[in-house]
Full PDB file with SEQRES, HELIX, SHEET, SSBOND, CRYST1, ORIGX, SCALE, CONECT and MASTER records, all heavy atoms in Angstrom:
SEQRES   1 A   35  GLY GLU CYS GLN TYR PHE GLY GLN ARG PHE ILE ALA MET          
SEQRES   2 A   35  ASP TYR ILE PRO GLY LYS HIS CYS ASP TRP ARG GLY ASN          
SEQRES   3 A   35  SER GLU LEU THR LYS LYS LEU ARG ARG                          
HELIX    1 AA1 SER A   27  ARG A   34  1                                   8    
SHEET    1 AA1 2 GLU A   2  TYR A   5  0                                        
SHEET    2 AA1 2 GLN A   8  ILE A  11 -1                                        
CRYST1    1.000    1.000    1.000  90.00  90.00  90.00 P 1           1          
ORIGX1      1.000000  0.000000  0.000000        0.00000                         
ORIGX2      0.000000  1.000000  0.000000        0.00000                         
ORIGX3      0.000000  0.000000  1.000000        0.00000                         
SCALE1      1.000000  0.000000  0.000000        0.00000                         
SCALE2      0.000000  1.000000  0.000000        0.00000                         
SCALE3      0.000000  0.000000  1.000000        0.00000                         
ATOM      1  N   GLY A   1      39.440 109.504  73.804  1.00  0.00           N  
ATOM      2  CA  GLY A   1      40.110 108.293  73.361  1.00  0.00           C  
ATOM      3  C   GLY A   1      40.759 107.538  74.500  1.00  0.00           C  
ATOM      4  O   GLY A   1      40.624 107.892  75.667  1.00  0.00           O  
ATOM      5  N   GLU A   2      41.466 106.482  74.131  1.00  0.00           N  
ATOM      6  CA  GLU A   2      42.141 105.649  75.108  1.00  0.00           C  
ATOM      7  C   GLU A   2      43.485 105.225  74.559  1.00  0.00           C  
ATOM      8  O   GLU A   2      43.706 105.275  73.355  1.00  0.00           O  
ATOM      9  CB  GLU A   2      41.287 104.440  75.474  1.00  0.00           C  
ATOM     10  CG  GLU A   2      40.809 103.617  74.293  1.00  0.00           C  
ATOM     11  CD  GLU A   2      41.616 102.356  74.054  1.00  0.00           C  
ATOM     12  OE1 GLU A   2      42.500 102.009  74.861  1.00  0.00           O  
ATOM     13  OE2 GLU A   2      41.369 101.715  73.045  1.00  0.00           O  
ATOM     14  N   CYS A   3      44.370 104.842  75.458  1.00  0.00           N  
ATOM     15  CA  CYS A   3      45.678 104.371  75.033  1.00  0.00           C  
ATOM     16  C   CYS A   3      46.253 103.434  76.085  1.00  0.00           C  
ATOM     17  O   CYS A   3      45.747 103.340  77.205  1.00  0.00           O  
ATOM     18  CB  CYS A   3      46.631 105.530  74.759  1.00  0.00           C  
ATOM     19  SG  CYS A   3      47.164 106.401  76.244  1.00  0.00           S  
ATOM     20  N   GLN A   4      47.332 102.794  75.686  1.00  0.00           N  
ATOM     21  CA  GLN A   4      48.059 101.921  76.590  1.00  0.00           C  
ATOM     22  C   GLN A   4      49.516 102.373  76.579  1.00  0.00           C  
ATOM     23  O   GLN A   4      50.064 102.671  75.523  1.00  0.00           O  
ATOM     24  CB  GLN A   4      47.945 100.478  76.106  1.00  0.00           C  
ATOM     25  CG  GLN A   4      48.029  99.475  77.198  1.00  0.00           C  
ATOM     26  CD  GLN A   4      47.616  98.100  76.717  1.00  0.00           C  
ATOM     27  OE1 GLN A   4      46.824  97.955  75.798  1.00  0.00           O  
ATOM     28  NE2 GLN A   4      48.155  97.089  77.351  1.00  0.00           N  
ATOM     29  N   TYR A   5      50.122 102.457  77.761  1.00  0.00           N  
ATOM     30  CA  TYR A   5      51.491 102.928  77.876  1.00  0.00           C  
ATOM     31  C   TYR A   5      52.178 102.131  78.972  1.00  0.00           C  
ATOM     32  O   TYR A   5      51.735 102.161  80.122  1.00  0.00           O  
ATOM     33  CB  TYR A   5      51.488 104.429  78.199  1.00  0.00           C  
ATOM     34  CG  TYR A   5      52.833 105.086  78.202  1.00  0.00           C  
ATOM     35  CD1 TYR A   5      53.524 105.290  77.008  1.00  0.00           C  
ATOM     36  CD2 TYR A   5      53.420 105.509  79.382  1.00  0.00           C  
ATOM     37  CE1 TYR A   5      54.768 105.899  77.008  1.00  0.00           C  
ATOM     38  CE2 TYR A   5      54.659 106.125  79.392  1.00  0.00           C  
ATOM     39  CZ  TYR A   5      55.325 106.316  78.195  1.00  0.00           C  
ATOM     40  OH  TYR A   5      56.560 106.916  78.197  1.00  0.00           O  
ATOM     41  N   PHE A   6      53.233 101.417  78.620  1.00  0.00           N  
ATOM     42  CA  PHE A   6      53.968 100.573  79.560  1.00  0.00           C  
ATOM     43  C   PHE A   6      53.032  99.663  80.360  1.00  0.00           C  
ATOM     44  O   PHE A   6      53.139  99.548  81.575  1.00  0.00           O  
ATOM     45  CB  PHE A   6      54.830 101.408  80.507  1.00  0.00           C  
ATOM     46  CG  PHE A   6      56.055 101.969  79.861  1.00  0.00           C  
ATOM     47  CD1 PHE A   6      56.122 103.306  79.534  1.00  0.00           C  
ATOM     48  CD2 PHE A   6      57.129 101.156  79.551  1.00  0.00           C  
ATOM     49  CE1 PHE A   6      57.258 103.837  78.936  1.00  0.00           C  
ATOM     50  CE2 PHE A   6      58.266 101.676  78.944  1.00  0.00           C  
ATOM     51  CZ  PHE A   6      58.323 103.009  78.628  1.00  0.00           C  
ATOM     52  N   GLY A   7      52.087  99.045  79.668  1.00  0.00           N  
ATOM     53  CA  GLY A   7      51.187  98.103  80.312  1.00  0.00           C  
ATOM     54  C   GLY A   7      50.043  98.723  81.077  1.00  0.00           C  
ATOM     55  O   GLY A   7      49.183  98.016  81.594  1.00  0.00           O  
ATOM     56  N   GLN A   8      50.009 100.037  81.164  1.00  0.00           N  
ATOM     57  CA  GLN A   8      48.905 100.736  81.831  1.00  0.00           C  
ATOM     58  C   GLN A   8      47.917 101.220  80.780  1.00  0.00           C  
ATOM     59  O   GLN A   8      48.306 101.658  79.707  1.00  0.00           O  
ATOM     60  CB  GLN A   8      49.420 101.933  82.630  1.00  0.00           C  
ATOM     61  CG  GLN A   8      50.302 101.559  83.791  1.00  0.00           C  
ATOM     62  CD  GLN A   8      49.533 100.872  84.899  1.00  0.00           C  
ATOM     63  OE1 GLN A   8      48.436 101.281  85.265  1.00  0.00           O  
ATOM     64  NE2 GLN A   8      50.108  99.803  85.432  1.00  0.00           N  
ATOM     65  N   ARG A   9      46.642 101.157  81.097  1.00  0.00           N  
ATOM     66  CA  ARG A   9      45.602 101.607  80.170  1.00  0.00           C  
ATOM     67  C   ARG A   9      45.004 102.911  80.702  1.00  0.00           C  
ATOM     68  O   ARG A   9      44.799 103.060  81.897  1.00  0.00           O  
ATOM     69  CB  ARG A   9      44.525 100.547  80.029  1.00  0.00           C  
ATOM     70  CG  ARG A   9      43.601 100.804  78.867  1.00  0.00           C  
ATOM     71  CD  ARG A   9      42.653  99.644  78.669  1.00  0.00           C  
ATOM     72  NE  ARG A   9      43.236  98.545  77.923  1.00  0.00           N  
ATOM     73  CZ  ARG A   9      43.148  98.398  76.613  1.00  0.00           C  
ATOM     74  NH1 ARG A   9      42.522  99.302  75.902  1.00  0.00           N  
ATOM     75  NH2 ARG A   9      43.663  97.359  76.017  1.00  0.00           N  
ATOM     76  N   PHE A  10      44.735 103.837  79.770  1.00  0.00           N  
ATOM     77  CA  PHE A  10      44.219 105.156  80.112  1.00  0.00           C  
ATOM     78  C   PHE A  10      43.019 105.499  79.237  1.00  0.00           C  
ATOM     79  O   PHE A  10      42.929 105.054  78.103  1.00  0.00           O  
ATOM     80  CB  PHE A  10      45.290 106.233  79.881  1.00  0.00           C  
ATOM     81  CG  PHE A  10      46.544 106.041  80.674  1.00  0.00           C  
ATOM     82  CD1 PHE A  10      47.581 105.259  80.193  1.00  0.00           C  
ATOM     83  CD2 PHE A  10      46.686 106.649  81.911  1.00  0.00           C  
ATOM     84  CE1 PHE A  10      48.744 105.091  80.919  1.00  0.00           C  
ATOM     85  CE2 PHE A  10      47.845 106.491  82.645  1.00  0.00           C  
ATOM     86  CZ  PHE A  10      48.876 105.706  82.151  1.00  0.00           C  
ATOM     87  N   ILE A  11      42.150 106.337  79.774  1.00  0.00           N  
ATOM     88  CA  ILE A  11      41.033 106.888  79.018  1.00  0.00           C  
ATOM     89  C   ILE A  11      41.073 108.407  79.229  1.00  0.00           C  
ATOM     90  O   ILE A  11      41.350 108.873  80.333  1.00  0.00           O  
ATOM     91  CB  ILE A  11      39.682 106.276  79.479  1.00  0.00           C  
ATOM     92  CG1 ILE A  11      38.509 106.853  78.698  1.00  0.00           C  
ATOM     93  CG2 ILE A  11      39.481 106.431  80.966  1.00  0.00           C  
ATOM     94  CD1 ILE A  11      37.179 106.164  78.999  1.00  0.00           C  
ATOM     95  N   ALA A  12      40.823 109.163  78.164  1.00  0.00           N  
ATOM     96  CA  ALA A  12      40.856 110.626  78.243  1.00  0.00           C  
ATOM     97  C   ALA A  12      39.492 111.203  77.919  1.00  0.00           C  
ATOM     98  O   ALA A  12      38.826 110.758  76.984  1.00  0.00           O  
ATOM     99  CB  ALA A  12      41.899 111.182  77.274  1.00  0.00           C  
ATOM    100  N   MET A  13      39.088 112.186  78.723  1.00  0.00           N  
ATOM    101  CA  MET A  13      37.802 112.850  78.518  1.00  0.00           C  
ATOM    102  C   MET A  13      37.888 114.280  79.028  1.00  0.00           C  
ATOM    103  O   MET A  13      38.880 114.659  79.653  1.00  0.00           O  
ATOM    104  CB  MET A  13      36.691 112.081  79.218  1.00  0.00           C  
ATOM    105  CG  MET A  13      36.841 112.004  80.722  1.00  0.00           C  
ATOM    106  SD  MET A  13      35.804 110.761  81.469  1.00  0.00           S  
ATOM    107  CE  MET A  13      36.942 109.394  81.471  1.00  0.00           C  
ATOM    108  N   ASP A  14      36.854 115.062  78.746  1.00  0.00           N  
ATOM    109  CA  ASP A  14      36.820 116.446  79.212  1.00  0.00           C  
ATOM    110  C   ASP A  14      36.789 116.517  80.733  1.00  0.00           C  
ATOM    111  O   ASP A  14      36.130 115.711  81.392  1.00  0.00           O  
ATOM    112  CB  ASP A  14      35.570 117.164  78.695  1.00  0.00           C  
ATOM    113  CG  ASP A  14      35.714 117.673  77.284  1.00  0.00           C  
ATOM    114  OD1 ASP A  14      36.840 117.645  76.754  1.00  0.00           O  
ATOM    115  OD2 ASP A  14      34.700 118.094  76.710  1.00  0.00           O  
ATOM    116  N   TYR A  15      37.489 117.503  81.265  1.00  0.00           N  
ATOM    117  CA  TYR A  15      37.368 117.844  82.684  1.00  0.00           C  
ATOM    118  C   TYR A  15      36.077 118.632  82.836  1.00  0.00           C  
ATOM    119  O   TYR A  15      35.790 119.543  82.054  1.00  0.00           O  
ATOM    120  CB  TYR A  15      38.566 118.691  83.120  1.00  0.00           C  
ATOM    121  CG  TYR A  15      38.387 119.306  84.483  1.00  0.00           C  
ATOM    122  CD1 TYR A  15      38.438 118.512  85.629  1.00  0.00           C  
ATOM    123  CD2 TYR A  15      38.156 120.665  84.624  1.00  0.00           C  
ATOM    124  CE1 TYR A  15      38.271 119.065  86.881  1.00  0.00           C  
ATOM    125  CE2 TYR A  15      37.988 121.230  85.879  1.00  0.00           C  
ATOM    126  CZ  TYR A  15      38.039 120.428  87.001  1.00  0.00           C  
ATOM    127  OH  TYR A  15      37.867 120.978  88.242  1.00  0.00           O  
ATOM    128  N   ILE A  16      35.277 118.287  83.831  1.00  0.00           N  
ATOM    129  CA  ILE A  16      34.008 118.970  84.068  1.00  0.00           C  
ATOM    130  C   ILE A  16      34.127 119.791  85.353  1.00  0.00           C  
ATOM    131  O   ILE A  16      34.129 119.228  86.449  1.00  0.00           O  
ATOM    132  CB  ILE A  16      32.833 117.962  84.208  1.00  0.00           C  
ATOM    133  CG1 ILE A  16      32.768 117.024  83.013  1.00  0.00           C  
ATOM    134  CG2 ILE A  16      31.524 118.698  84.431  1.00  0.00           C  
ATOM    135  CD1 ILE A  16      32.502 117.690  81.695  1.00  0.00           C  
ATOM    136  N   PRO A  17      34.252 121.124  85.233  1.00  0.00           N  
ATOM    137  CA  PRO A  17      34.287 121.940  86.446  1.00  0.00           C  
ATOM    138  C   PRO A  17      32.927 121.886  87.139  1.00  0.00           C  
ATOM    139  O   PRO A  17      31.888 121.959  86.488  1.00  0.00           O  
ATOM    140  CB  PRO A  17      34.567 123.361  85.943  1.00  0.00           C  
ATOM    141  CG  PRO A  17      34.852 123.245  84.495  1.00  0.00           C  
ATOM    142  CD  PRO A  17      34.376 121.914  84.025  1.00  0.00           C  
ATOM    143  N   GLY A  18      32.948 121.701  88.413  1.00  0.00           N  
ATOM    144  CA  GLY A  18      31.720 121.625  89.190  1.00  0.00           C  
ATOM    145  C   GLY A  18      31.970 120.854  90.466  1.00  0.00           C  
ATOM    146  O   GLY A  18      33.101 120.747  90.926  1.00  0.00           O  
ATOM    147  N   LYS A  19      30.897 120.317  91.015  1.00  0.00           N  
ATOM    148  CA  LYS A  19      31.034 119.560  92.261  1.00  0.00           C  
ATOM    149  C   LYS A  19      30.127 118.333  92.207  1.00  0.00           C  
ATOM    150  O   LYS A  19      29.155 118.297  91.452  1.00  0.00           O  
ATOM    151  CB  LYS A  19      30.687 120.431  93.456  1.00  0.00           C  
ATOM    152  CG  LYS A  19      29.260 120.971  93.428  1.00  0.00           C  
ATOM    153  CD  LYS A  19      28.981 121.894  94.588  1.00  0.00           C  
ATOM    154  CE  LYS A  19      27.538 122.384  94.509  1.00  0.00           C  
ATOM    155  NZ  LYS A  19      27.167 123.202  95.615  1.00  0.00           N  
ATOM    156  N   HIS A  20      30.485 117.353  93.010  1.00  0.00           N  
ATOM    157  CA  HIS A  20      29.639 116.162  93.094  1.00  0.00           C  
ATOM    158  C   HIS A  20      28.273 116.587  93.616  1.00  0.00           C  
ATOM    159  O   HIS A  20      28.157 117.509  94.412  1.00  0.00           O  
ATOM    160  CB  HIS A  20      30.280 115.105  93.991  1.00  0.00           C  
ATOM    161  CG  HIS A  20      31.560 114.584  93.417  1.00  0.00           C  
ATOM    162  ND1 HIS A  20      31.592 113.722  92.349  1.00  0.00           N  
ATOM    163  CD2 HIS A  20      32.843 114.831  93.741  1.00  0.00           C  
ATOM    164  CE1 HIS A  20      32.848 113.450  92.053  1.00  0.00           C  
ATOM    165  NE2 HIS A  20      33.631 114.119  92.877  1.00  0.00           N  
ATOM    166  N   CYS A  21      27.257 115.899  93.155  1.00  0.00           N  
ATOM    167  CA  CYS A  21      25.898 116.384  93.345  1.00  0.00           C  
ATOM    168  C   CYS A  21      25.031 115.346  94.062  1.00  0.00           C  
ATOM    169  O   CYS A  21      24.811 114.261  93.536  1.00  0.00           O  
ATOM    170  CB  CYS A  21      25.311 116.698  91.976  1.00  0.00           C  
ATOM    171  SG  CYS A  21      23.581 117.104  91.985  1.00  0.00           S  
ATOM    172  N   ASP A  22      24.551 115.710  95.241  1.00  0.00           N  
ATOM    173  CA  ASP A  22      23.574 114.872  95.933  1.00  0.00           C  
ATOM    174  C   ASP A  22      22.197 115.434  95.623  1.00  0.00           C  
ATOM    175  O   ASP A  22      21.789 116.455  96.162  1.00  0.00           O  
ATOM    176  CB  ASP A  22      23.838 114.869  97.430  1.00  0.00           C  
ATOM    177  CG  ASP A  22      23.002 113.824  98.148  1.00  0.00           C  
ATOM    178  OD1 ASP A  22      22.088 113.246  97.529  1.00  0.00           O  
ATOM    179  OD2 ASP A  22      23.265 113.587  99.342  1.00  0.00           O  
ATOM    180  N   TRP A  23      21.521 114.803  94.709  1.00  0.00           N  
ATOM    181  CA  TRP A  23      20.234 115.274  94.207  1.00  0.00           C  
ATOM    182  C   TRP A  23      19.075 114.915  95.136  1.00  0.00           C  
ATOM    183  O   TRP A  23      17.999 115.488  95.028  1.00  0.00           O  
ATOM    184  CB  TRP A  23      19.973 114.686  92.821  1.00  0.00           C  
ATOM    185  CG  TRP A  23      19.823 113.195  92.879  1.00  0.00           C  
ATOM    186  CD1 TRP A  23      18.657 112.495  93.032  1.00  0.00           C  
ATOM    187  CD2 TRP A  23      20.864 112.221  92.837  1.00  0.00           C  
ATOM    188  NE1 TRP A  23      18.923 111.159  93.088  1.00  0.00           N  
ATOM    189  CE2 TRP A  23      20.269 110.953  92.965  1.00  0.00           C  
ATOM    190  CE3 TRP A  23      22.237 112.306  92.705  1.00  0.00           C  
ATOM    191  CZ2 TRP A  23      21.005 109.775  92.963  1.00  0.00           C  
ATOM    192  CZ3 TRP A  23      22.980 111.135  92.692  1.00  0.00           C  
ATOM    193  CH2 TRP A  23      22.364 109.889  92.818  1.00  0.00           C  
ATOM    194  N   ARG A  24      19.293 113.963  96.031  1.00  0.00           N  
ATOM    195  CA  ARG A  24      18.206 113.476  96.894  1.00  0.00           C  
ATOM    196  C   ARG A  24      17.668 114.614  97.744  1.00  0.00           C  
ATOM    197  O   ARG A  24      18.413 115.359  98.367  1.00  0.00           O  
ATOM    198  CB  ARG A  24      18.711 112.340  97.769  1.00  0.00           C  
ATOM    199  CG  ARG A  24      19.189 111.146  96.939  1.00  0.00           C  
ATOM    200  CD  ARG A  24      19.915 110.140  97.755  1.00  0.00           C  
ATOM    201  NE  ARG A  24      21.194 110.730  98.190  1.00  0.00           N  
ATOM    202  CZ  ARG A  24      22.170 110.047  98.725  1.00  0.00           C  
ATOM    203  NH1 ARG A  24      22.042 108.765  98.924  1.00  0.00           N  
ATOM    204  NH2 ARG A  24      23.285 110.641  99.091  1.00  0.00           N  
ATOM    205  N   GLY A  25      16.365 114.782  97.736  1.00  0.00           N  
ATOM    206  CA  GLY A  25      15.733 115.850  98.498  1.00  0.00           C  
ATOM    207  C   GLY A  25      15.674 117.172  97.762  1.00  0.00           C  
ATOM    208  O   GLY A  25      15.211 118.163  98.318  1.00  0.00           O  
ATOM    209  N   ASN A  26      16.149 117.207  96.516  1.00  0.00           N  
ATOM    210  CA  ASN A  26      16.123 118.432  95.729  1.00  0.00           C  
ATOM    211  C   ASN A  26      15.384 118.140  94.427  1.00  0.00           C  
ATOM    212  O   ASN A  26      15.923 117.498  93.530  1.00  0.00           O  
ATOM    213  CB  ASN A  26      17.551 118.906  95.453  1.00  0.00           C  
ATOM    214  CG  ASN A  26      17.598 120.231  94.725  1.00  0.00           C  
ATOM    215  OD1 ASN A  26      16.834 120.476  93.795  1.00  0.00           O  
ATOM    216  ND2 ASN A  26      18.511 121.088  95.138  1.00  0.00           N  
ATOM    217  N   SER A  27      14.149 118.583  94.326  1.00  0.00           N  
ATOM    218  CA  SER A  27      13.309 118.227  93.176  1.00  0.00           C  
ATOM    219  C   SER A  27      13.867 118.747  91.852  1.00  0.00           C  
ATOM    220  O   SER A  27      13.762 118.063  90.822  1.00  0.00           O  
ATOM    221  CB  SER A  27      11.870 118.711  93.377  1.00  0.00           C  
ATOM    222  OG  SER A  27      11.824 120.113  93.500  1.00  0.00           O  
ATOM    223  N   GLU A  28      14.483 119.926  91.851  1.00  0.00           N  
ATOM    224  CA  GLU A  28      15.044 120.466  90.606  1.00  0.00           C  
ATOM    225  C   GLU A  28      16.198 119.600  90.111  1.00  0.00           C  
ATOM    226  O   GLU A  28      16.288 119.264  88.928  1.00  0.00           O  
ATOM    227  CB  GLU A  28      15.522 121.907  90.816  1.00  0.00           C  
ATOM    228  CG  GLU A  28      16.069 122.531  89.546  1.00  0.00           C  
ATOM    229  CD  GLU A  28      16.585 123.944  89.770  1.00  0.00           C  
ATOM    230  OE1 GLU A  28      16.127 124.626  90.701  1.00  0.00           O  
ATOM    231  OE2 GLU A  28      17.457 124.356  88.989  1.00  0.00           O  
ATOM    232  N   LEU A  29      17.094 119.216  91.023  1.00  0.00           N  
ATOM    233  CA  LEU A  29      18.214 118.354  90.636  1.00  0.00           C  
ATOM    234  C   LEU A  29      17.737 116.957  90.248  1.00  0.00           C  
ATOM    235  O   LEU A  29      18.280 116.347  89.333  1.00  0.00           O  
ATOM    236  CB  LEU A  29      19.244 118.277  91.762  1.00  0.00           C  
ATOM    237  CG  LEU A  29      20.005 119.560  92.058  1.00  0.00           C  
ATOM    238  CD1 LEU A  29      20.935 119.369  93.250  1.00  0.00           C  
ATOM    239  CD2 LEU A  29      20.779 120.033  90.842  1.00  0.00           C  
ATOM    240  N   THR A  30      16.715 116.462  90.918  1.00  0.00           N  
ATOM    241  CA  THR A  30      16.146 115.150  90.577  1.00  0.00           C  
ATOM    242  C   THR A  30      15.598 115.169  89.153  1.00  0.00           C  
ATOM    243  O   THR A  30      15.811 114.225  88.389  1.00  0.00           O  
ATOM    244  CB  THR A  30      15.045 114.751  91.583  1.00  0.00           C  
ATOM    245  OG1 THR A  30      15.624 114.675  92.889  1.00  0.00           O  
ATOM    246  CG2 THR A  30      14.429 113.417  91.226  1.00  0.00           C  
ATOM    247  N   LYS A  31      14.921 116.254  88.770  1.00  0.00           N  
ATOM    248  CA  LYS A  31      14.403 116.374  87.396  1.00  0.00           C  
ATOM    249  C   LYS A  31      15.542 116.377  86.383  1.00  0.00           C  
ATOM    250  O   LYS A  31      15.459 115.731  85.337  1.00  0.00           O  
ATOM    251  CB  LYS A  31      13.578 117.657  87.239  1.00  0.00           C  
ATOM    252  CG  LYS A  31      12.224 117.611  87.877  1.00  0.00           C  
ATOM    253  CD  LYS A  31      11.508 118.944  87.694  1.00  0.00           C  
ATOM    254  CE  LYS A  31      10.262 119.009  88.548  1.00  0.00           C  
ATOM    255  NZ  LYS A  31       9.619 120.334  88.487  1.00  0.00           N  
ATOM    256  N   LYS A  32      16.611 117.111  86.693  1.00  0.00           N  
ATOM    257  CA  LYS A  32      17.757 117.161  85.787  1.00  0.00           C  
ATOM    258  C   LYS A  32      18.410 115.787  85.659  1.00  0.00           C  
ATOM    259  O   LYS A  32      18.791 115.374  84.557  1.00  0.00           O  
ATOM    260  CB  LYS A  32      18.786 118.193  86.272  1.00  0.00           C  
ATOM    261  CG  LYS A  32      18.312 119.610  86.110  1.00  0.00           C  
ATOM    262  CD  LYS A  32      19.340 120.603  86.602  1.00  0.00           C  
ATOM    263  CE  LYS A  32      18.819 122.021  86.417  1.00  0.00           C  
ATOM    264  NZ  LYS A  32      19.845 123.017  86.663  1.00  0.00           N  
ATOM    265  N   LEU A  33      18.511 115.080  86.764  1.00  0.00           N  
ATOM    266  CA  LEU A  33      19.093 113.743  86.723  1.00  0.00           C  
ATOM    267  C   LEU A  33      18.209 112.796  85.925  1.00  0.00           C  
ATOM    268  O   LEU A  33      18.711 112.001  85.117  1.00  0.00           O  
ATOM    269  CB  LEU A  33      19.317 113.208  88.137  1.00  0.00           C  
ATOM    270  CG  LEU A  33      19.956 111.829  88.213  1.00  0.00           C  
ATOM    271  CD1 LEU A  33      21.334 111.823  87.565  1.00  0.00           C  
ATOM    272  CD2 LEU A  33      20.036 111.365  89.663  1.00  0.00           C  
ATOM    273  N   ARG A  34      16.909 112.877  86.103  1.00  0.00           N  
ATOM    274  CA  ARG A  34      15.984 112.030  85.326  1.00  0.00           C  
ATOM    275  C   ARG A  34      16.131 112.290  83.832  1.00  0.00           C  
ATOM    276  O   ARG A  34      16.102 111.365  83.025  1.00  0.00           O  
ATOM    277  CB  ARG A  34      14.541 112.263  85.766  1.00  0.00           C  
ATOM    278  CG  ARG A  34      14.194 111.586  87.046  1.00  0.00           C  
ATOM    279  CD  ARG A  34      12.714 111.712  87.352  1.00  0.00           C  
ATOM    280  NE  ARG A  34      12.420 111.127  88.642  1.00  0.00           N  
ATOM    281  CZ  ARG A  34      11.574 111.631  89.519  1.00  0.00           C  
ATOM    282  NH1 ARG A  34      10.902 112.736  89.242  1.00  0.00           N  
ATOM    283  NH2 ARG A  34      11.367 111.039  90.674  1.00  0.00           N  
ATOM    284  N   ARG A  35      16.273 113.568  83.463  1.00  0.00           N  
ATOM    285  CA  ARG A  35      16.478 113.893  82.048  1.00  0.00           C  
ATOM    286  C   ARG A  35      17.769 113.284  81.522  1.00  0.00           C  
ATOM    287  O   ARG A  35      17.814 112.758  80.408  1.00  0.00           O  
ATOM    288  CB  ARG A  35      16.498 115.410  81.835  1.00  0.00           C  
ATOM    289  CG  ARG A  35      15.125 115.966  81.554  1.00  0.00           C  
ATOM    290  CD  ARG A  35      15.173 117.442  81.214  1.00  0.00           C  
ATOM    291  NE  ARG A  35      14.651 118.111  82.410  1.00  0.00           N  
ATOM    292  CZ  ARG A  35      15.130 119.204  82.956  1.00  0.00           C  
ATOM    293  NH1 ARG A  35      16.144 119.820  82.423  1.00  0.00           N  
ATOM    294  NH2 ARG A  35      14.601 119.716  84.032  1.00  0.00           N  
TER     295      ARG A  35                                                      
MASTER        0    0    0    1    2    0    0    6  294    1    0    3          
END                                                                             
């Protein structure tokens, strides 16, 4: 969901444990990204 508090706007979502992913040059990760 989202809310506004003292003029600031917020959005809330699940925290995703993991790491940023550079898929370039990795065919398995490229397939997952395409999906």
